Amino acid sequence: MSDRKTVSAKEKTTLKGKILFTCALLSLPIFKLYAIDYVVSPELISQKRLFTAINIGIETRLSKMTSGMIHNADLYEIGYEKSVSDDASGIKIGYEHFGSYGLDTIRVNLIYHAADGKSELRIAPEIGLSLFTYLSLSYGYGFHIGKDKIDKIDASRFAFRINIYF
């Protein structure tokens, strides 16, 4: 007599299902953090007045680089901007996303401005072009949050920035 156990059709189907399910899980694209870079970004901003800014941040990439070009990078940063001509200044926190090949950029900043004894809070979404994440030129609009407003700082903003990676 044989000690072999016969497997029913139902058990075979269940086993096949478990194997297929396991293979499907193993083949799912699992996001892997491919790189973290530290970034310092000097910036020129025009919004009725010329501002200079310095930002520091961390850039993350979730996809591989192809031929040295970056795909889908995200930059989280804090910064300080100061008017060249008067006492207007601001601190900001921001998020920037570089799209395919680092040629387009979307940014949003939360900015606290102070000038002439007044202060205001703005949220400023921006959209622009980038040169492989190293240079970017963007346009944005600062929406006031709250009742205070500084008239000498325009809501429209054009920004040019250089990202230096460490």
Protein backbone atom coordinates (compact mmCIF):
# COMPACT_ATOMS: atom_id res chain seq x y z
CA MET A 1 0.00 0.00 0.00
CA SER A 2 1.06 3.48 -0.74
CA ASP A 3 1.19 6.29 1.80
CA ARG A 4 0.50 8.82 -0.92
CA LYS A 5 -2.33 11.18 -0.22
CA THR A 6 -4.61 12.04 -3.09
CA VAL A 7 -5.26 15.72 -3.59
CA SER A 8 -8.79 16.73 -4.46
CA ALA A 9 -9.62 19.12 -7.29
CA LYS A 10 -10.72 21.75 -4.74
CA GLU A 11 -7.37 21.57 -2.93
CA LYS A 12 -5.51 21.86 -6.26
CA THR A 13 -7.52 24.96 -7.16
CA THR A 14 -6.86 26.50 -3.72
CA LEU A 15 -3.13 25.76 -3.99
CA LYS A 16 -2.96 27.27 -7.51
CA GLY A 17 -4.77 30.35 -6.24
CA LYS A 18 -2.29 30.78 -3.36
CA ILE A 19 0.68 30.42 -5.71
CA LEU A 20 -0.77 32.92 -8.21
CA PHE A 21 -1.59 35.38 -5.41
CA THR A 22 1.97 35.11 -4.00
CA CYS A 23 3.50 35.62 -7.47
CA ALA A 24 1.26 38.64 -8.07
CA LEU A 25 2.35 40.21 -4.77
CA LEU A 26 6.02 39.64 -5.53
CA SER A 27 5.69 41.20 -8.97
CA LEU A 28 3.97 44.39 -7.79
CA PRO A 29 6.05 47.51 -8.32
CA ILE A 30 7.28 48.38 -4.87
CA PHE A 31 8.39 52.00 -4.46
CA LYS A 32 11.95 52.30 -3.37
CA LEU A 33 13.68 55.48 -2.36
CA TYR A 34 16.58 55.69 -4.80
CA ALA A 35 18.23 58.85 -3.56
CA ILE A 36 18.20 61.58 -0.96
CA ASP A 37 20.11 64.77 -1.72
CA TYR A 38 20.69 67.86 0.38
CA VAL A 39 20.06 71.07 -1.54
CA VAL A 40 20.97 74.74 -1.10
CA SER A 41 19.07 77.05 -3.46
CA PRO A 42 19.86 80.73 -3.99
CA GLU A 43 16.91 82.45 -5.63
CA LEU A 44 15.85 85.76 -7.19
CA ILE A 45 12.18 86.66 -6.84
CA SER A 46 10.33 89.54 -8.44
CA GLN A 47 7.05 90.60 -6.83
CA LYS A 48 6.79 94.36 -7.27
CA ARG A 49 10.21 94.46 -5.64
CA LEU A 50 13.29 92.32 -6.16
CA PHE A 51 13.90 89.77 -3.43
CA THR A 52 16.89 87.52 -2.86
CA ALA A 53 16.31 84.23 -1.11
CA ILE A 54 18.21 81.28 0.24
CA ASN A 55 16.57 77.90 0.71
CA ILE A 56 17.82 74.66 2.22
CA GLY A 57 16.11 71.37 1.68
CA ILE A 58 16.07 67.66 1.10
CA GLU A 59 15.30 66.19 -2.31
CA THR A 60 14.01 62.64 -2.66
CA ARG A 61 13.64 60.50 -5.75
CA LEU A 62 11.42 57.44 -5.95
CA SER A 63 12.45 56.35 -9.43
CA LYS A 64 15.69 55.47 -11.12
CA MET A 65 17.75 57.90 -13.13
CA THR A 66 17.93 57.19 -16.85
CA SER A 67 20.96 58.49 -18.73
CA GLY A 68 21.69 60.82 -15.82
CA MET A 69 18.24 62.44 -15.98
CA ILE A 70 16.01 62.66 -12.94
CA HIS A 71 12.46 61.34 -12.97
CA ASN A 72 9.93 62.62 -10.45
CA ALA A 73 11.93 64.26 -7.68
CA ASP A 74 10.41 65.95 -4.64
CA LEU A 75 12.07 68.80 -2.73
CA TYR A 76 11.08 69.77 0.82
CA GLU A 77 12.60 73.06 1.97
CA ILE A 78 12.70 76.02 4.31
CA GLY A 79 13.93 79.43 3.26
CA TYR A 80 14.38 83.12 3.91
CA GLU A 81 13.73 85.94 1.42
CA LYS A 82 14.69 89.60 1.75
CA SER A 83 13.87 92.63 -0.38
CA VAL A 84 16.88 94.27 -1.99
CA SER A 85 15.42 97.80 -1.70
CA ASP A 86 13.72 97.96 1.71
CA ASP A 87 12.95 96.11 4.95
CA ALA A 88 10.45 93.56 3.55
CA SER A 89 11.43 89.99 4.34
CA GLY A 90 9.88 86.60 4.76
CA ILE A 91 10.39 83.06 5.96
CA LYS A 92 8.88 80.14 4.08
CA ILE A 93 8.40 76.42 3.97
CA GLY A 94 7.85 74.77 0.63
CA TYR A 95 7.38 71.67 -1.44
CA GLU A 96 8.50 71.33 -5.05
CA HIS A 97 7.89 68.48 -7.49
CA PHE A 98 10.02 68.02 -10.59
CA GLY A 99 8.24 66.04 -13.31
CA SER A 100 9.58 63.75 -15.99
CA TYR A 101 13.25 64.29 -16.77
CA GLY A 102 13.30 67.31 -14.44
CA LEU A 103 11.98 69.66 -17.14
CA ASP A 104 8.85 70.91 -15.40
CA THR A 105 8.25 71.99 -11.85
CA ILE A 106 5.32 72.61 -9.54
CA ARG A 107 5.96 74.33 -6.23
CA VAL A 108 3.90 75.54 -3.30
CA ASN A 109 5.22 77.78 -0.51
CA LEU A 110 3.74 78.98 2.75
CA ILE A 111 5.31 82.40 3.30
CA TYR A 112 5.24 84.71 6.31
CA HIS A 113 6.17 88.25 5.20
CA ALA A 114 6.99 91.22 7.43
CA ALA A 115 7.49 94.87 6.44
CA ASP A 116 6.85 98.32 7.93
CA GLY A 117 5.61 96.84 11.20
CA LYS A 118 3.00 94.70 9.38
CA SER A 119 2.97 90.99 8.74
CA GLU A 120 1.04 88.65 6.46
CA LEU A 121 0.73 84.99 5.60
CA ARG A 122 0.48 83.75 2.01
CA ILE A 123 0.18 80.45 0.24
CA ALA A 124 1.92 80.67 -3.13
CA PRO A 125 1.51 77.92 -5.73
CA GLU A 126 3.96 78.15 -8.65
CA ILE A 127 4.45 76.42 -11.97
CA GLY A 128 7.50 76.56 -14.18
CA LEU A 129 10.25 75.09 -16.27
CA SER A 130 13.36 73.40 -15.00
CA LEU A 131 16.68 72.37 -16.49
CA PHE A 132 17.15 68.87 -15.05
CA THR A 133 16.33 70.26 -11.55
CA TYR A 134 19.51 72.39 -11.47
CA LEU A 135 17.90 75.65 -12.68
CA SER A 136 14.25 76.64 -12.60
CA LEU A 137 12.12 79.56 -13.71
CA SER A 138 8.60 79.75 -12.33
CA TYR A 139 5.53 81.95 -12.00
CA GLY A 140 3.25 81.91 -8.99
CA TYR A 141 0.55 83.83 -7.21
CA GLY A 142 0.51 84.48 -3.46
CA PHE A 143 -2.96 84.12 -1.94
CA HIS A 144 -3.39 86.00 1.34
CA ILE A 145 -4.42 84.02 4.39
CA GLY A 146 -5.91 86.19 7.08
CA LYS A 147 -6.82 89.87 7.16
CA ASP A 148 -3.39 91.53 7.15
CA LYS A 149 -1.84 92.51 3.82
CA ILE A 150 1.41 94.23 2.86
CA ASP A 151 0.68 96.35 -0.22
CA LYS A 152 4.27 96.80 -1.33
CA ILE A 153 4.62 93.04 -1.98
CA ASP A 154 2.78 92.03 -5.14
CA ALA A 155 0.80 88.78 -5.24
CA SER A 156 2.32 87.75 -8.60
CA ARG A 157 5.81 86.32 -8.30
CA PHE A 158 8.44 85.30 -10.82
CA ALA A 159 11.29 83.23 -9.45
CA PHE A 160 14.64 82.08 -10.80
CA ARG A 161 16.58 79.56 -8.73
CA ILE A 162 19.73 77.49 -8.80
CA ASN A 163 19.77 74.17 -6.93
CA ILE A 164 23.17 73.12 -5.58
CA TYR A 165 23.29 69.47 -4.48
CA PHE A 166 25.39 67.92 -1.70
